[in-house]
C-alpha atoms as a PDB file:
ATOM      1  CA  MET A   1       7.499  78.646  49.013  1.00  0.00           C
ATOM      2  CA  SER A   2       8.023  80.743  52.157  1.00  0.00           C
ATOM      3  CA  GLY A   3       8.320  77.556  54.210  1.00  0.00           C
ATOM      4  CA  LEU A   4      11.001  76.243  51.878  1.00  0.00           C
ATOM      5  CA  GLN A   5      12.895  79.511  52.139  1.00  0.00           C
ATOM      6  CA  ARG A   6      12.865  79.284  55.949  1.00  0.00           C
ATOM      7  CA  HIS A   7      14.287  75.764  55.721  1.00  0.00           C
ATOM      8  CA  PHE A   8      16.961  77.018  53.309  1.00  0.00           C
ATOM      9  CA  ASP A   9      17.880  79.973  55.539  1.00  0.00           C
ATOM     10  CA  MET A  10      18.003  77.764  58.629  1.00  0.00           C
ATOM     11  CA  LEU A  11      20.282  75.326  56.847  1.00  0.00           C
ATOM     12  CA  ALA A  12      22.604  78.162  55.820  1.00  0.00           C
ATOM     13  CA  PHE A  13      22.639  79.396  59.429  1.00  0.00           C
ATOM     14  CA  ASN A  14      23.427  75.921  60.754  1.00  0.00           C
ATOM     15  CA  LEU A  15      26.211  75.416  58.230  1.00  0.00           C
ATOM     16  CA  ALA A  16      27.734  78.806  59.066  1.00  0.00           C
ATOM     17  CA  SER A  17      27.461  78.105  62.805  1.00  0.00           C
ATOM     18  CA  ARG A  18      29.145  74.747  62.362  1.00  0.00           C
ATOM     19  CA  GLU A  19      32.055  76.384  60.547  1.00  0.00           C
ATOM     20  CA  ALA A  20      32.448  79.028  63.248  1.00  0.00           C
ATOM     21  CA  VAL A  21      32.249  76.894  66.392  1.00  0.00           C
ATOM     22  CA  GLN A  22      35.539  76.284  68.199  1.00  0.00           C
ATOM     23  CA  GLU A  23      36.538  73.429  70.496  1.00  0.00           C
ATOM     24  CA  ASP A  24      37.162  75.755  73.428  1.00  0.00           C
ATOM     25  CA  ALA A  25      33.682  77.230  73.100  1.00  0.00           C
ATOM     26  CA  TYR A  26      32.155  73.740  72.992  1.00  0.00           C
ATOM     27  CA  ASN A  27      34.036  72.613  76.085  1.00  0.00           C
ATOM     28  CA  LYS A  28      33.099  75.801  77.926  1.00  0.00           C
ATOM     29  CA  ARG A  29      29.416  75.240  77.149  1.00  0.00           C
ATOM     30  CA  VAL A  30      29.620  71.558  78.159  1.00  0.00           C
ATOM     31  CA  ASN A  31      31.133  72.444  81.541  1.00  0.00           C
ATOM     32  CA  ALA A  32      28.916  75.456  82.277  1.00  0.00           C
ATOM     33  CA  PRO A  33      26.343  73.522  84.390  1.00  0.00           C
ATOM     34  CA  ARG A  34      29.156  71.710  86.269  1.00  0.00           C
ATOM     35  CA  ILE A  35      27.223  68.477  85.866  1.00  0.00           C
ATOM     36  CA  MET A  36      26.266  66.116  83.019  1.00  0.00           C
ATOM     37  CA  PRO A  37      23.376  63.642  82.684  1.00  0.00           C
ATOM     38  CA  ALA A  38      25.797  60.755  81.996  1.00  0.00           C
ATOM     39  CA  ALA A  39      29.403  61.950  82.072  1.00  0.00           C
ATOM     40  CA  PRO A  40      30.983  58.621  80.973  1.00  0.00           C
ATOM     41  CA  ARG A  41      29.050  58.913  77.703  1.00  0.00           C
ATOM     42  CA  HIS A  42      30.216  62.463  77.006  1.00  0.00           C
ATOM     43  CA  GLN A  43      31.420  62.971  73.429  1.00  0.00           C
ATOM     44  CA  ASN A  44      34.360  65.187  72.615  1.00  0.00           C
ATOM     45  CA  PHE A  45      34.409  67.975  70.061  1.00  0.00           C
ATOM     46  CA  GLU A  46      35.425  65.835  67.079  1.00  0.00           C
ATOM     47  CA  GLN A  47      32.832  63.190  67.875  1.00  0.00           C
ATOM     48  CA  MET A  48      30.101  65.798  68.165  1.00  0.00           C
ATOM     49  CA  GLN A  49      31.131  67.418  64.893  1.00  0.00           C
ATOM     50  CA  ALA A  50      30.624  64.101  63.095  1.00  0.00           C
ATOM     51  CA  TYR A  51      27.363  63.359  64.916  1.00  0.00           C
ATOM     52  CA  ALA A  52      25.977  66.843  64.246  1.00  0.00           C
ATOM     53  CA  ARG A  53      26.863  66.527  60.580  1.00  0.00           C
ATOM     54  CA  ASP A  54      25.099  63.156  60.232  1.00  0.00           C
ATOM     55  CA  LEU A  55      22.067  64.509  62.059  1.00  0.00           C
ATOM     56  CA  LEU A  56      21.944  67.551  59.782  1.00  0.00           C
ATOM     57  CA  VAL A  57      21.995  65.412  56.629  1.00  0.00           C
ATOM     58  CA  ARG A  58      19.153  63.249  57.905  1.00  0.00           C
ATOM     59  CA  GLN A  59      17.190  66.326  58.932  1.00  0.00           C
ATOM     60  CA  VAL A  60      17.563  68.041  55.554  1.00  0.00           C
ATOM     61  CA  ILE A  61      16.547  64.960  53.563  1.00  0.00           C
ATOM     62  CA  GLY A  62      13.694  64.170  55.933  1.00  0.00           C
ATOM     63  CA  ASP A  63      12.413  67.753  55.814  1.00  0.00           C
ATOM     64  CA  SER A  64      12.712  67.746  52.022  1.00  0.00           C
ATOM     65  CA  LEU A  65      10.603  64.608  51.727  1.00  0.00           C
ATOM     66  CA  ASN A  66       7.995  66.049  54.099  1.00  0.00           C
ATOM     67  CA  LEU A  67       7.903  69.276  52.084  1.00  0.00           C
ATOM     68  CA  THR A  68       7.439  67.232  48.919  1.00  0.00           C
ATOM     69  CA  VAL A  69       4.472  65.385  50.415  1.00  0.00           C
ATOM     70  CA  THR A  70       2.916  68.686  51.512  1.00  0.00           C
ATOM     71  CA  ALA A  71       3.463  70.167  48.068  1.00  0.00           C
ATOM     72  CA  MET A  72       1.550  67.221  46.575  1.00  0.00           C
ATOM     73  CA  ASN A  73      -1.210  66.990  49.172  1.00  0.00           C
ATOM     74  CA  ASN A  74      -2.187  70.656  49.200  1.00  0.00           C
ATOM     75  CA  PRO A  75      -3.084  71.115  45.505  1.00  0.00           C
ATOM     76  CA  HIS A  76      -4.592  67.650  45.132  1.00  0.00           C
ATOM     77  CA  PHE A  77      -7.942  68.637  46.615  1.00  0.00           C
ATOM     78  CA  PHE A  78      -8.108  71.488  44.098  1.00  0.00           C
ATOM     79  CA  LEU A  79      -7.357  69.022  41.294  1.00  0.00           C
ATOM     80  CA  ALA A  80     -10.056  66.672  42.567  1.00  0.00           C
ATOM     81  CA  LEU A  81     -12.576  69.527  42.687  1.00  0.00           C
ATOM     82  CA  VAL A  82     -11.719  70.645  39.174  1.00  0.00           C
ATOM     83  CA  LYS A  83     -12.195  67.113  37.908  1.00  0.00           C
ATOM     84  CA  ALA A  84     -15.419  66.504  39.863  1.00  0.00           C
ATOM     85  CA  THR A  85     -17.003  69.810  38.775  1.00  0.00           C
ATOM     86  CA  ASN A  86     -15.509  69.907  35.283  1.00  0.00           C
ATOM     87  CA  ALA A  87     -13.985  73.256  36.310  1.00  0.00           C
ATOM     88  CA  ASN A  88     -17.388  74.696  37.171  1.00  0.00           C
ATOM     89  CA  LYS A  89     -17.440  77.315  39.922  1.00  0.00           C
ATOM     90  CA  ASP A  90     -20.691  75.902  41.264  1.00  0.00           C
ATOM     91  CA  VAL A  91     -19.790  72.930  43.459  1.00  0.00           C
ATOM     92  CA  SER A  92     -22.633  70.484  44.028  1.00  0.00           C
ATOM     93  CA  PRO A  93     -22.793  68.352  47.199  1.00  0.00           C
ATOM     94  CA  ASP A  94     -22.042  65.265  45.103  1.00  0.00           C
ATOM     95  CA  ALA A  95     -18.972  66.882  43.540  1.00  0.00           C
ATOM     96  CA  GLN A  96     -17.791  68.057  46.964  1.00  0.00           C
ATOM     97  CA  LYS A  97     -18.149  64.547  48.345  1.00  0.00           C
ATOM     98  CA  GLU A  98     -16.322  63.016  45.381  1.00  0.00           C
ATOM     99  CA  ALA A  99     -13.416  65.434  45.777  1.00  0.00           C
ATOM    100  CA  GLN A 100     -13.218  64.861  49.530  1.00  0.00           C
ATOM    101  CA  GLU A 101     -13.173  61.084  49.090  1.00  0.00           C
ATOM    102  CA  SER A 102     -10.424  61.411  46.498  1.00  0.00           C
ATOM    103  CA  GLN A 103      -8.410  63.588  48.888  1.00  0.00           C
ATOM    104  CA  GLN A 104      -8.933  61.193  51.780  1.00  0.00           C
ATOM    105  CA  ALA A 105      -7.525  58.382  49.649  1.00  0.00           C
ATOM    106  CA  PHE A 106      -4.607  60.514  48.431  1.00  0.00           C
ATOM    107  CA  ILE A 107      -3.352  61.824  51.792  1.00  0.00           C
ATOM    108  CA  PRO A 108      -2.199  58.478  53.318  1.00  0.00           C
ATOM    109  CA  ALA A 109      -0.838  57.103  50.033  1.00  0.00           C
ATOM    110  CA  GLN A 110       2.876  56.360  49.799  1.00  0.00           C
ATOM    111  CA  LEU A 111       5.045  58.752  47.825  1.00  0.00           C
ATOM    112  CA  ASP A 112       5.277  56.565  44.714  1.00  0.00           C
ATOM    113  CA  GLU A 113       1.512  56.048  44.762  1.00  0.00           C
ATOM    114  CA  LYS A 114       0.960  59.806  44.931  1.00  0.00           C
ATOM    115  CA  PHE A 115       3.048  60.225  41.776  1.00  0.00           C
ATOM    116  CA  ASN A 116       1.089  57.444  40.069  1.00  0.00           C
ATOM    117  CA  ARG A 117      -2.269  58.966  40.994  1.00  0.00           C
ATOM    118  CA  LEU A 118      -1.307  62.419  39.768  1.00  0.00           C
ATOM    119  CA  GLU A 119      -0.327  60.906  36.415  1.00  0.00           C
ATOM    120  CA  LYS A 120      -3.282  58.524  36.128  1.00  0.00           C
ATOM    121  CA  ASP A 121      -6.044  60.846  37.370  1.00  0.00           C
ATOM    122  CA  TYR A 122      -4.835  64.205  36.034  1.00  0.00           C
ATOM    123  CA  GLY A 123      -2.139  63.494  33.461  1.00  0.00           C
ATOM    124  CA  ILE A 124       0.479  65.290  35.560  1.00  0.00           C
ATOM    125  CA  MET A 125       4.033  64.028  35.146  1.00  0.00           C
ATOM    126  CA  CYS A 126       6.117  65.323  38.038  1.00  0.00           C
ATOM    127  CA  GLU A 127       9.566  66.713  37.356  1.00  0.00           C
ATOM    128  CA  LEU A 128      12.268  65.134  39.545  1.00  0.00           C
ATOM    129  CA  GLU A 129      10.034  62.192  40.457  1.00  0.00           C
ATOM    130  CA  ASP A 130      12.924  59.732  40.165  1.00  0.00           C
ATOM    131  CA  SER A 131      15.263  61.918  42.209  1.00  0.00           C
ATOM    132  CA  ILE A 132      12.717  62.422  44.978  1.00  0.00           C
ATOM    133  CA  THR A 133      12.182  58.673  45.083  1.00  0.00           C
ATOM    134  CA  SER A 134      15.959  58.276  45.305  1.00  0.00           C
ATOM    135  CA  LEU A 135      16.016  60.736  48.221  1.00  0.00           C
ATOM    136  CA  GLY A 136      13.587  58.393  49.941  1.00  0.00           C
ATOM    137  CA  PHE A 137      16.019  55.526  49.363  1.00  0.00           C
ATOM    138  CA  ALA A 138      18.866  57.688  50.678  1.00  0.00           C
ATOM    139  CA  MET A 139      16.876  58.357  53.843  1.00  0.00           C
ATOM    140  CA  GLN A 140      16.317  54.625  54.225  1.00  0.00           C
ATOM    141  CA  VAL A 141      20.061  54.065  53.872  1.00  0.00           C
ATOM    142  CA  LEU A 142      20.851  56.677  56.534  1.00  0.00           C
ATOM    143  CA  LEU A 143      18.284  55.457  59.038  1.00  0.00           C
ATOM    144  CA  GLN A 144      18.465  51.688  58.593  1.00  0.00           C
ATOM    145  CA  GLN A 145      21.794  50.795  56.976  1.00  0.00           C
ATOM    146  CA  GLY A 146      24.378  52.910  58.728  1.00  0.00           C
ATOM    147  CA  GLY A 147      24.643  55.183  55.695  1.00  0.00           C
ATOM    148  CA  ILE A 148      25.895  52.445  53.334  1.00  0.00           C
ATOM    149  CA  VAL A 149      24.097  51.794  50.039  1.00  0.00           C
ATOM    150  CA  LYS A 150      22.942  48.230  49.382  1.00  0.00           C
ATOM    151  CA  GLU A 151      21.649  46.430  46.324  1.00  0.00           C
ATOM    152  CA  ALA A 152      18.000  47.089  47.223  1.00  0.00           C
ATOM    153  CA  GLN A 153      18.452  50.817  46.560  1.00  0.00           C
ATOM    154  CA  LEU A 154      20.098  50.438  43.155  1.00  0.00           C
ATOM    155  CA  ASP A 155      18.519  50.842  39.718  1.00  0.00           C
ATOM    156  CA  ALA A 156      19.027  48.580  36.708  1.00  0.00           C
ATOM    157  CA  GLN A 157      22.430  50.186  36.104  1.00  0.00           C
ATOM    158  CA  GLY A 158      23.565  49.426  39.650  1.00  0.00           C
ATOM    159  CA  GLU A 159      23.326  53.056  40.748  1.00  0.00           C
ATOM    160  CA  LEU A 160      21.382  55.225  43.161  1.00  0.00           C
ATOM    161  CA  VAL A 161      21.060  58.492  41.255  1.00  0.00           C
ATOM    162  CA  ILE A 162      19.912  61.818  42.651  1.00  0.00           C
ATOM    163  CA  GLU A 163      19.644  64.757  40.266  1.00  0.00           C
ATOM    164  CA  LEU A 164      19.971  68.094  42.004  1.00  0.00           C
ATOM    165  CA  LYS A 165      19.076  71.434  40.492  1.00  0.00           C
ATOM    166  CA  SER A 166      22.046  73.768  40.325  1.00  0.00           C
ATOM    167  CA  VAL A 167      22.743  77.115  38.675  1.00  0.00           C
ATOM    168  CA  GLU A 168      25.079  77.548  35.746  1.00  0.00           C
ATOM    169  CA  ILE A 169      26.222  81.054  34.904  1.00  0.00           C
ATOM    170  CA  VAL A 170      26.002  81.712  31.187  1.00  0.00           C
ATOM    171  CA  GLY A 171      27.956  84.664  29.848  1.00  0.00           C
ATOM    172  CA  SER A 172      27.058  86.367  26.604  1.00  0.00           C
ATOM    173  CA  GLY A 173      30.638  87.277  25.825  1.00  0.00           C
ATOM    174  CA  LYS A 174      29.593  90.866  25.305  1.00  0.00           C
ATOM    175  CA  ASP A 175      30.712  93.630  27.634  1.00  0.00           C
ATOM    176  CA  ASP A 176      27.308  95.332  27.698  1.00  0.00           C
ATOM    177  CA  GLU A 177      25.354  92.213  28.696  1.00  0.00           C
ATOM    178  CA  LYS A 178      25.270  90.746  32.169  1.00  0.00           C
ATOM    179  CA  PRO A 179      25.869  87.018  32.674  1.00  0.00           C
ATOM    180  CA  GLN A 180      22.693  85.075  33.371  1.00  0.00           C
ATOM    181  CA  GLY A 181      22.022  81.976  35.403  1.00  0.00           C
ATOM    182  CA  LYS A 182      20.075  78.916  34.313  1.00  0.00           C
ATOM    183  CA  LEU A 183      19.024  75.784  36.177  1.00  0.00           C
ATOM    184  CA  VAL A 184      20.945  72.657  35.251  1.00  0.00           C
ATOM    185  CA  ASP A 185      20.985  69.098  36.567  1.00  0.00           C
ATOM    186  CA  LEU A 186      23.803  67.979  38.840  1.00  0.00           C
ATOM    187  CA  ARG A 187      23.935  64.161  38.985  1.00  0.00           C
ATOM    188  CA  LYS A 188      24.995  62.601  42.256  1.00  0.00           C
ATOM    189  CA  VAL A 189      25.601  58.866  41.941  1.00  0.00           C
ATOM    190  CA  PHE A 190      26.039  56.262  44.680  1.00  0.00           C
ATOM    191  CA  ARG A 191      26.928  52.616  44.139  1.00  0.00           C
ATOM    192  CA  GLU A 192      26.701  49.527  46.307  1.00  0.00           C
ATOM    193  CA  GLY A 193      28.944  49.724  49.347  1.00  0.00           C
ATOM    194  CA  GLU A 194      29.371  53.489  49.131  1.00  0.00           C
ATOM    195  CA  ALA A 195      28.392  55.884  51.911  1.00  0.00           C
ATOM    196  CA  VAL A 196      25.648  58.431  51.331  1.00  0.00           C
ATOM    197  CA  VAL A 197      27.505  61.721  51.731  1.00  0.00           C
ATOM    198  CA  PHE A 198      26.519  65.242  50.725  1.00  0.00           C
ATOM    199  CA  SER A 199      28.671  68.359  50.684  1.00  0.00           C
ATOM    200  CA  ASP A 200      27.336  71.544  52.284  1.00  0.00           C
ATOM    201  CA  VAL A 201      26.376  73.011  48.909  1.00  0.00           C
ATOM    202  CA  GLU A 202      24.739  69.751  47.824  1.00  0.00           C
ATOM    203  CA  LEU A 203      22.559  69.841  50.934  1.00  0.00           C
ATOM    204  CA  GLN A 204      21.472  73.332  49.982  1.00  0.00           C
ATOM    205  CA  LEU A 205      20.767  72.161  46.436  1.00  0.00           C
ATOM    206  CA  VAL A 206      18.484  69.448  47.803  1.00  0.00           C
ATOM    207  CA  LEU A 207      16.169  72.212  49.027  1.00  0.00           C
ATOM    208  CA  VAL A 208      16.584  74.138  45.773  1.00  0.00           C
ATOM    209  CA  SER A 209      15.539  70.978  43.917  1.00  0.00           C
ATOM    210  CA  ILE A 210      12.415  70.594  46.058  1.00  0.00           C
ATOM    211  CA  ALA A 211      11.528  74.210  45.287  1.00  0.00           C
ATOM    212  CA  SER A 212      11.967  73.483  41.569  1.00  0.00           C
ATOM    213  CA  PHE A 213       9.753  70.402  41.922  1.00  0.00           C
ATOM    214  CA  ALA A 214       7.023  72.362  43.708  1.00  0.00           C
ATOM    215  CA  ASP A 215       7.130  75.195  41.181  1.00  0.00           C
ATOM    216  CA  SER A 216       6.804  72.772  38.280  1.00  0.00           C
ATOM    217  CA  LEU A 217       3.963  70.917  40.019  1.00  0.00           C
ATOM    218  CA  PHE A 218       1.995  74.091  40.721  1.00  0.00           C
ATOM    219  CA  LYS A 219       2.346  75.143  37.089  1.00  0.00           C
ATOM    220  CA  SER A 220       1.078  71.723  35.986  1.00  0.00           C
ATOM    221  CA  VAL A 221      -1.902  72.038  38.346  1.00  0.00           C
ATOM    222  CA  ALA A 222      -2.791  75.422  36.859  1.00  0.00           C
ATOM    223  CA  GLU A 223      -2.422  74.043  33.341  1.00  0.00           C
ATOM    224  CA  TYR A 224      -4.697  71.098  34.158  1.00  0.00           C
ATOM    225  CA  ALA A 225      -7.397  73.427  35.500  1.00  0.00           C
ATOM    226  CA  ARG A 226      -7.074  75.609  32.410  1.00  0.00           C
ATOM    227  CA  SER A 227      -7.327  72.647  30.042  1.00  0.00           C
ATOM    228  CA  VAL A 228     -10.443  71.286  31.783  1.00  0.00           C
ATOM    229  CA  GLN A 229     -12.076  74.687  31.739  1.00  0.00           C
ATOM    230  CA  GLU A 230     -11.336  75.190  28.056  1.00  0.00           C
ATOM    231  CA  GLY A 231     -12.664  71.721  27.237  1.00  0.00           C
ATOM    232  CA  ALA A 232     -15.856  72.180  29.235  1.00  0.00           C
END
């Protein structure tokens, strides 16, 4: 989770820096070397604001998908070992080989195939699977379609839905009790022809959602190991 926190902190820093930067400061920095690589292609402050924003969105979603893959790859070898050894601490060469072969097949698998294998091989249903898949579609839209959603990314209802984890403050209504926060789902819906756009807070919630996914997955991995051990 420390890696996720660094991504979250860096995003917050970038968002704060973007809010604070002024046009005069940008122009001063541009002109500091007194030369440009290709001056006719120089972009002004407003153009760079838009470009930097688009780049940040792609970076956050891309990093989130990479973090998701890592969160699935890392515990899979443990799952494969538990299954191959029936949760026995003594790992035979045959069990080691079986687990390694399973891991070698899992690592290059596409994201949807990873979800399928976790469910089929270990009975693990991943929270936010649909939303993470939708983030993959959103990345495809940003990289290949100029940010505009097309029919290929839509579900049966004609929507591209991403559920983000957010915090809702719940008050007890009593003066002596502090309000508490709970995770809730925030649905973000795109339809055909619409641009994939995220607010600053929504970008931050993308990383919060990946953290929620990873936490749920790790708990499921521990529960699987416990169930195999108890059934041995």
